[in-house]
């Protein structure tokens, strides 16, 4: 459940904050904002096919134990994007092309969690995977609702003092 909450929180921050990040910090106008905002999600869709295939290859050839396989893909999907987001924060405003490229790669790496964390529900409780996923998704969605606000507070502490910032 903890990894699912972490995944959803990061994912919703990216979904909700990317257009304003591109507009306000990188000064990308409305004419390109939608297309560039869609690029990370396209990357996620394409990379999910790759990581799904790779997870199956590693699992069927028994290159790693099932537990290590899940942990590896979960680590790639959680820590990789986190580290890239730190780099985006450090260099992004000065290098907009680098920032967008790192964002696209980060979203691609997020899809590794599909081969790590998402399939754990079937591994742990095959007969109750739908129920356990539903519970984790409900908790994750509730926590994720506050993730963009928390991101705004961490990035811009003055956002708390401004009324009607939503």
C-alpha atoms as a PDB file:
ATOM      1  CA  UNK A   1       0.000   0.000   0.000  1.00  0.00           C
ATOM      2  CA  UNK A   2       2.875   2.355   0.804  1.00  0.00           C
ATOM      3  CA  UNK A   3       4.403   1.973  -2.651  1.00  0.00           C
ATOM      4  CA  UNK A   4       1.015   2.458  -4.298  1.00  0.00           C
ATOM      5  CA  UNK A   5       0.442   5.665  -2.332  1.00  0.00           C
ATOM      6  CA  UNK A   6       3.938   6.861  -3.297  1.00  0.00           C
ATOM      7  CA  UNK A   7       3.296   6.041  -6.956  1.00  0.00           C
ATOM      8  CA  UNK A   8      -0.073   7.792  -7.052  1.00  0.00           C
ATOM      9  CA  UNK A   9       1.203  10.855  -5.202  1.00  0.00           C
ATOM     10  CA  UNK A  10       4.084  11.347  -7.608  1.00  0.00           C
ATOM     11  CA  UNK A  11       1.927  10.620 -10.623  1.00  0.00           C
ATOM     12  CA  UNK A  12      -0.758  13.132  -9.642  1.00  0.00           C
ATOM     13  CA  UNK A  13       1.810  15.826  -8.955  1.00  0.00           C
ATOM     14  CA  UNK A  14       3.159  15.297 -12.458  1.00  0.00           C
ATOM     15  CA  UNK A  15      -0.310  15.287 -14.034  1.00  0.00           C
ATOM     16  CA  UNK A  16      -1.571  18.383 -12.274  1.00  0.00           C
ATOM     17  CA  UNK A  17       1.579  20.480 -12.082  1.00  0.00           C
ATOM     18  CA  UNK A  18       3.290  19.909 -15.440  1.00  0.00           C
ATOM     19  CA  UNK A  19       1.242  22.440 -17.458  1.00  0.00           C
ATOM     20  CA  UNK A  20       1.726  25.226 -14.900  1.00  0.00           C
ATOM     21  CA  UNK A  21       5.417  24.315 -14.527  1.00  0.00           C
ATOM     22  CA  UNK A  22       5.892  24.579 -18.280  1.00  0.00           C
ATOM     23  CA  UNK A  23       4.017  27.869 -18.433  1.00  0.00           C
ATOM     24  CA  UNK A  24       5.243  29.639 -15.301  1.00  0.00           C
ATOM     25  CA  UNK A  25       8.816  28.439 -14.872  1.00  0.00           C
ATOM     26  CA  UNK A  26       9.911  27.415 -18.347  1.00  0.00           C
ATOM     27  CA  UNK A  27       7.882  30.129 -20.077  1.00  0.00           C
ATOM     28  CA  UNK A  28       6.405  27.763 -22.662  1.00  0.00           C
ATOM     29  CA  UNK A  29       3.350  29.341 -24.239  1.00  0.00           C
ATOM     30  CA  UNK A  30      -0.097  27.842 -24.597  1.00  0.00           C
ATOM     31  CA  UNK A  31       0.507  26.895 -28.220  1.00  0.00           C
ATOM     32  CA  UNK A  32       3.124  24.290 -27.224  1.00  0.00           C
ATOM     33  CA  UNK A  33       2.133  23.576 -23.630  1.00  0.00           C
ATOM     34  CA  UNK A  34      -0.463  20.911 -24.399  1.00  0.00           C
ATOM     35  CA  UNK A  35       1.784  18.990 -26.764  1.00  0.00           C
ATOM     36  CA  UNK A  36       4.772  19.109 -24.431  1.00  0.00           C
ATOM     37  CA  UNK A  37       2.569  18.224 -21.440  1.00  0.00           C
ATOM     38  CA  UNK A  38       1.426  15.103 -23.288  1.00  0.00           C
ATOM     39  CA  UNK A  39       4.974  13.895 -24.046  1.00  0.00           C
ATOM     40  CA  UNK A  40       5.642  12.464 -20.555  1.00  0.00           C
ATOM     41  CA  UNK A  41       2.412  10.461 -20.689  1.00  0.00           C
ATOM     42  CA  UNK A  42       3.239   9.132 -24.140  1.00  0.00           C
ATOM     43  CA  UNK A  43       6.620   8.093 -22.748  1.00  0.00           C
ATOM     44  CA  UNK A  44       4.889   6.326 -19.872  1.00  0.00           C
ATOM     45  CA  UNK A  45       2.632   4.432 -22.253  1.00  0.00           C
ATOM     46  CA  UNK A  46       5.484   3.286 -24.473  1.00  0.00           C
ATOM     47  CA  UNK A  47       7.832   2.419 -21.615  1.00  0.00           C
ATOM     48  CA  UNK A  48       5.118   0.423 -19.847  1.00  0.00           C
ATOM     49  CA  UNK A  49       5.177  -1.974 -22.800  1.00  0.00           C
ATOM     50  CA  UNK A  50       8.948  -2.289 -22.509  1.00  0.00           C
ATOM     51  CA  UNK A  51       9.022  -2.754 -18.728  1.00  0.00           C
ATOM     52  CA  UNK A  52       6.143  -5.235 -18.889  1.00  0.00           C
ATOM     53  CA  UNK A  53       8.015  -7.291 -21.463  1.00  0.00           C
ATOM     54  CA  UNK A  54      11.290  -7.022 -19.536  1.00  0.00           C
ATOM     55  CA  UNK A  55       9.628  -8.041 -16.273  1.00  0.00           C
ATOM     56  CA  UNK A  56       8.154 -11.106 -17.956  1.00  0.00           C
ATOM     57  CA  UNK A  57      11.501 -12.050 -19.521  1.00  0.00           C
ATOM     58  CA  UNK A  58      13.314 -11.720 -16.193  1.00  0.00           C
ATOM     59  CA  UNK A  59      10.572 -13.716 -14.469  1.00  0.00           C
ATOM     60  CA  UNK A  60      10.143 -16.522 -16.986  1.00  0.00           C
ATOM     61  CA  UNK A  61      13.888 -17.067 -17.421  1.00  0.00           C
ATOM     62  CA  UNK A  62      14.259 -17.000 -13.635  1.00  0.00           C
ATOM     63  CA  UNK A  63      17.124 -14.521 -13.805  1.00  0.00           C
ATOM     64  CA  UNK A  64      16.019 -13.171 -10.417  1.00  0.00           C
ATOM     65  CA  UNK A  65      13.732 -14.454  -7.724  1.00  0.00           C
ATOM     66  CA  UNK A  66      10.160 -13.176  -7.909  1.00  0.00           C
ATOM     67  CA  UNK A  67      10.695 -10.970  -4.865  1.00  0.00           C
ATOM     68  CA  UNK A  68      13.911  -9.450  -6.221  1.00  0.00           C
ATOM     69  CA  UNK A  69      12.284  -8.978  -9.639  1.00  0.00           C
ATOM     70  CA  UNK A  70       9.431  -6.962  -8.086  1.00  0.00           C
ATOM     71  CA  UNK A  71      11.811  -4.975  -5.890  1.00  0.00           C
ATOM     72  CA  UNK A  72      14.080  -4.135  -8.822  1.00  0.00           C
ATOM     73  CA  UNK A  73      11.290  -2.785 -11.006  1.00  0.00           C
ATOM     74  CA  UNK A  74       9.706  -0.952  -8.105  1.00  0.00           C
ATOM     75  CA  UNK A  75      13.037   0.682  -7.262  1.00  0.00           C
ATOM     76  CA  UNK A  76      13.500   1.760 -10.875  1.00  0.00           C
ATOM     77  CA  UNK A  77       9.949   3.119 -10.992  1.00  0.00           C
ATOM     78  CA  UNK A  78      10.064   5.013  -7.701  1.00  0.00           C
ATOM     79  CA  UNK A  79      13.653   6.147  -7.175  1.00  0.00           C
ATOM     80  CA  UNK A  80      14.552   6.860 -10.802  1.00  0.00           C
ATOM     81  CA  UNK A  81      11.847   9.493 -11.338  1.00  0.00           C
ATOM     82  CA  UNK A  82      12.497  10.927  -7.872  1.00  0.00           C
ATOM     83  CA  UNK A  83      16.157  11.505  -8.638  1.00  0.00           C
ATOM     84  CA  UNK A  84      15.334  12.957 -12.045  1.00  0.00           C
ATOM     85  CA  UNK A  85      12.827  15.346 -10.474  1.00  0.00           C
ATOM     86  CA  UNK A  86      15.572  16.583  -8.150  1.00  0.00           C
ATOM     87  CA  UNK A  87      17.697  17.257 -11.242  1.00  0.00           C
ATOM     88  CA  UNK A  88      14.769  19.035 -12.884  1.00  0.00           C
ATOM     89  CA  UNK A  89      14.501  21.260  -9.830  1.00  0.00           C
ATOM     90  CA  UNK A  90      18.212  21.966  -9.847  1.00  0.00           C
ATOM     91  CA  UNK A  91      18.698  22.698 -13.541  1.00  0.00           C
ATOM     92  CA  UNK A  92      15.244  23.061 -15.053  1.00  0.00           C
ATOM     93  CA  UNK A  93      14.691  26.807 -15.044  1.00  0.00           C
ATOM     94  CA  UNK A  94      18.028  27.466 -16.769  1.00  0.00           C
ATOM     95  CA  UNK A  95      17.790  24.616 -19.272  1.00  0.00           C
ATOM     96  CA  UNK A  96      14.182  24.148 -20.448  1.00  0.00           C
ATOM     97  CA  UNK A  97      14.979  21.471 -23.038  1.00  0.00           C
ATOM     98  CA  UNK A  98      16.858  19.462 -20.408  1.00  0.00           C
ATOM     99  CA  UNK A  99      13.965  19.883 -17.964  1.00  0.00           C
ATOM    100  CA  UNK A 100      11.389  18.604 -20.436  1.00  0.00           C
ATOM    101  CA  UNK A 101      13.670  15.733 -21.477  1.00  0.00           C
ATOM    102  CA  UNK A 102      14.206  14.693 -17.861  1.00  0.00           C
ATOM    103  CA  UNK A 103      10.463  14.898 -17.247  1.00  0.00           C
ATOM    104  CA  UNK A 104       9.794  12.624 -20.220  1.00  0.00           C
ATOM    105  CA  UNK A 105      12.403  10.110 -19.026  1.00  0.00           C
ATOM    106  CA  UNK A 106      11.067  10.298 -15.450  1.00  0.00           C
ATOM    107  CA  UNK A 107       7.545   9.449 -16.584  1.00  0.00           C
ATOM    108  CA  UNK A 108       8.905   6.611 -18.669  1.00  0.00           C
ATOM    109  CA  UNK A 109      10.675   5.221 -15.625  1.00  0.00           C
ATOM    110  CA  UNK A 110       7.527   5.509 -13.505  1.00  0.00           C
ATOM    111  CA  UNK A 111       5.982   2.802 -15.667  1.00  0.00           C
ATOM    112  CA  UNK A 112       8.467   0.276 -14.232  1.00  0.00           C
ATOM    113  CA  UNK A 113       6.231   0.206 -11.155  1.00  0.00           C
ATOM    114  CA  UNK A 114       3.642  -1.633 -13.257  1.00  0.00           C
ATOM    115  CA  UNK A 115       6.024  -4.627 -13.312  1.00  0.00           C
ATOM    116  CA  UNK A 116       6.990  -4.113  -9.694  1.00  0.00           C
ATOM    117  CA  UNK A 117       4.331  -2.784  -7.404  1.00  0.00           C
ATOM    118  CA  UNK A 118       1.133  -3.208  -9.393  1.00  0.00           C
ATOM    119  CA  UNK A 119       1.456  -6.963  -9.865  1.00  0.00           C
ATOM    120  CA  UNK A 120       2.257  -7.478  -6.187  1.00  0.00           C
ATOM    121  CA  UNK A 121      -1.454  -7.517  -5.423  1.00  0.00           C
ATOM    122  CA  UNK A 122      -1.773 -10.688  -7.515  1.00  0.00           C
ATOM    123  CA  UNK A 123       1.381 -12.182  -5.959  1.00  0.00           C
ATOM    124  CA  UNK A 124       0.329 -11.504  -2.377  1.00  0.00           C
ATOM    125  CA  UNK A 125      -3.373 -12.371  -2.519  1.00  0.00           C
ATOM    126  CA  UNK A 126      -4.367 -13.877  -5.880  1.00  0.00           C
ATOM    127  CA  UNK A 127      -7.954 -14.566  -4.835  1.00  0.00           C
ATOM    128  CA  UNK A 128      -8.401 -11.106  -3.313  1.00  0.00           C
ATOM    129  CA  UNK A 129      -6.199  -9.011  -5.593  1.00  0.00           C
ATOM    130  CA  UNK A 130      -9.113  -6.882  -6.796  1.00  0.00           C
ATOM    131  CA  UNK A 131     -10.203  -6.065  -3.269  1.00  0.00           C
ATOM    132  CA  UNK A 132      -6.683  -5.344  -1.999  1.00  0.00           C
ATOM    133  CA  UNK A 133      -5.922  -3.199  -5.044  1.00  0.00           C
ATOM    134  CA  UNK A 134      -9.209  -1.343  -4.562  1.00  0.00           C
ATOM    135  CA  UNK A 135      -8.392  -0.592  -0.929  1.00  0.00           C
ATOM    136  CA  UNK A 136      -4.856   0.551  -1.773  1.00  0.00           C
ATOM    137  CA  UNK A 137      -6.143   2.635  -4.678  1.00  0.00           C
ATOM    138  CA  UNK A 138      -8.760   4.304  -2.462  1.00  0.00           C
ATOM    139  CA  UNK A 139      -6.179   5.213   0.174  1.00  0.00           C
ATOM    140  CA  UNK A 140      -3.738   6.299  -2.521  1.00  0.00           C
ATOM    141  CA  UNK A 141      -6.331   8.452  -4.281  1.00  0.00           C
ATOM    142  CA  UNK A 142      -7.272  10.137  -1.020  1.00  0.00           C
ATOM    143  CA  UNK A 143      -3.653  10.935  -0.164  1.00  0.00           C
ATOM    144  CA  UNK A 144      -2.905  11.930  -3.766  1.00  0.00           C
ATOM    145  CA  UNK A 145      -5.624  14.554  -3.684  1.00  0.00           C
ATOM    146  CA  UNK A 146      -3.367  16.566  -1.387  1.00  0.00           C
ATOM    147  CA  UNK A 147      -0.128  15.903  -3.276  1.00  0.00           C
ATOM    148  CA  UNK A 148      -0.388  18.903  -5.670  1.00  0.00           C
ATOM    149  CA  UNK A 149      -1.129  21.208  -2.739  1.00  0.00           C
ATOM    150  CA  UNK A 150       1.835  19.822  -0.804  1.00  0.00           C
ATOM    151  CA  UNK A 151       4.012  20.293  -3.884  1.00  0.00           C
ATOM    152  CA  UNK A 152       2.890  23.920  -4.072  1.00  0.00           C
ATOM    153  CA  UNK A 153       3.706  24.445  -0.411  1.00  0.00           C
ATOM    154  CA  UNK A 154       7.152  22.882  -0.786  1.00  0.00           C
ATOM    155  CA  UNK A 155       7.982  24.717  -3.995  1.00  0.00           C
ATOM    156  CA  UNK A 156       6.372  28.050  -3.109  1.00  0.00           C
ATOM    157  CA  UNK A 157       5.762  28.517   0.634  1.00  0.00           C
ATOM    158  CA  UNK A 158       3.879  31.760  -0.079  1.00  0.00           C
ATOM    159  CA  UNK A 159       1.084  29.706  -1.674  1.00  0.00           C
ATOM    160  CA  UNK A 160      -0.361  29.081   1.798  1.00  0.00           C
ATOM    161  CA  UNK A 161      -0.711  32.809   2.441  1.00  0.00           C
ATOM    162  CA  UNK A 162      -2.528  33.491  -0.845  1.00  0.00           C
ATOM    163  CA  UNK A 163      -6.296  32.949  -0.816  1.00  0.00           C
ATOM    164  CA  UNK A 164      -8.021  31.185  -3.711  1.00  0.00           C
ATOM    165  CA  UNK A 165      -4.881  29.660  -5.215  1.00  0.00           C
ATOM    166  CA  UNK A 166      -6.702  26.650  -6.618  1.00  0.00           C
END
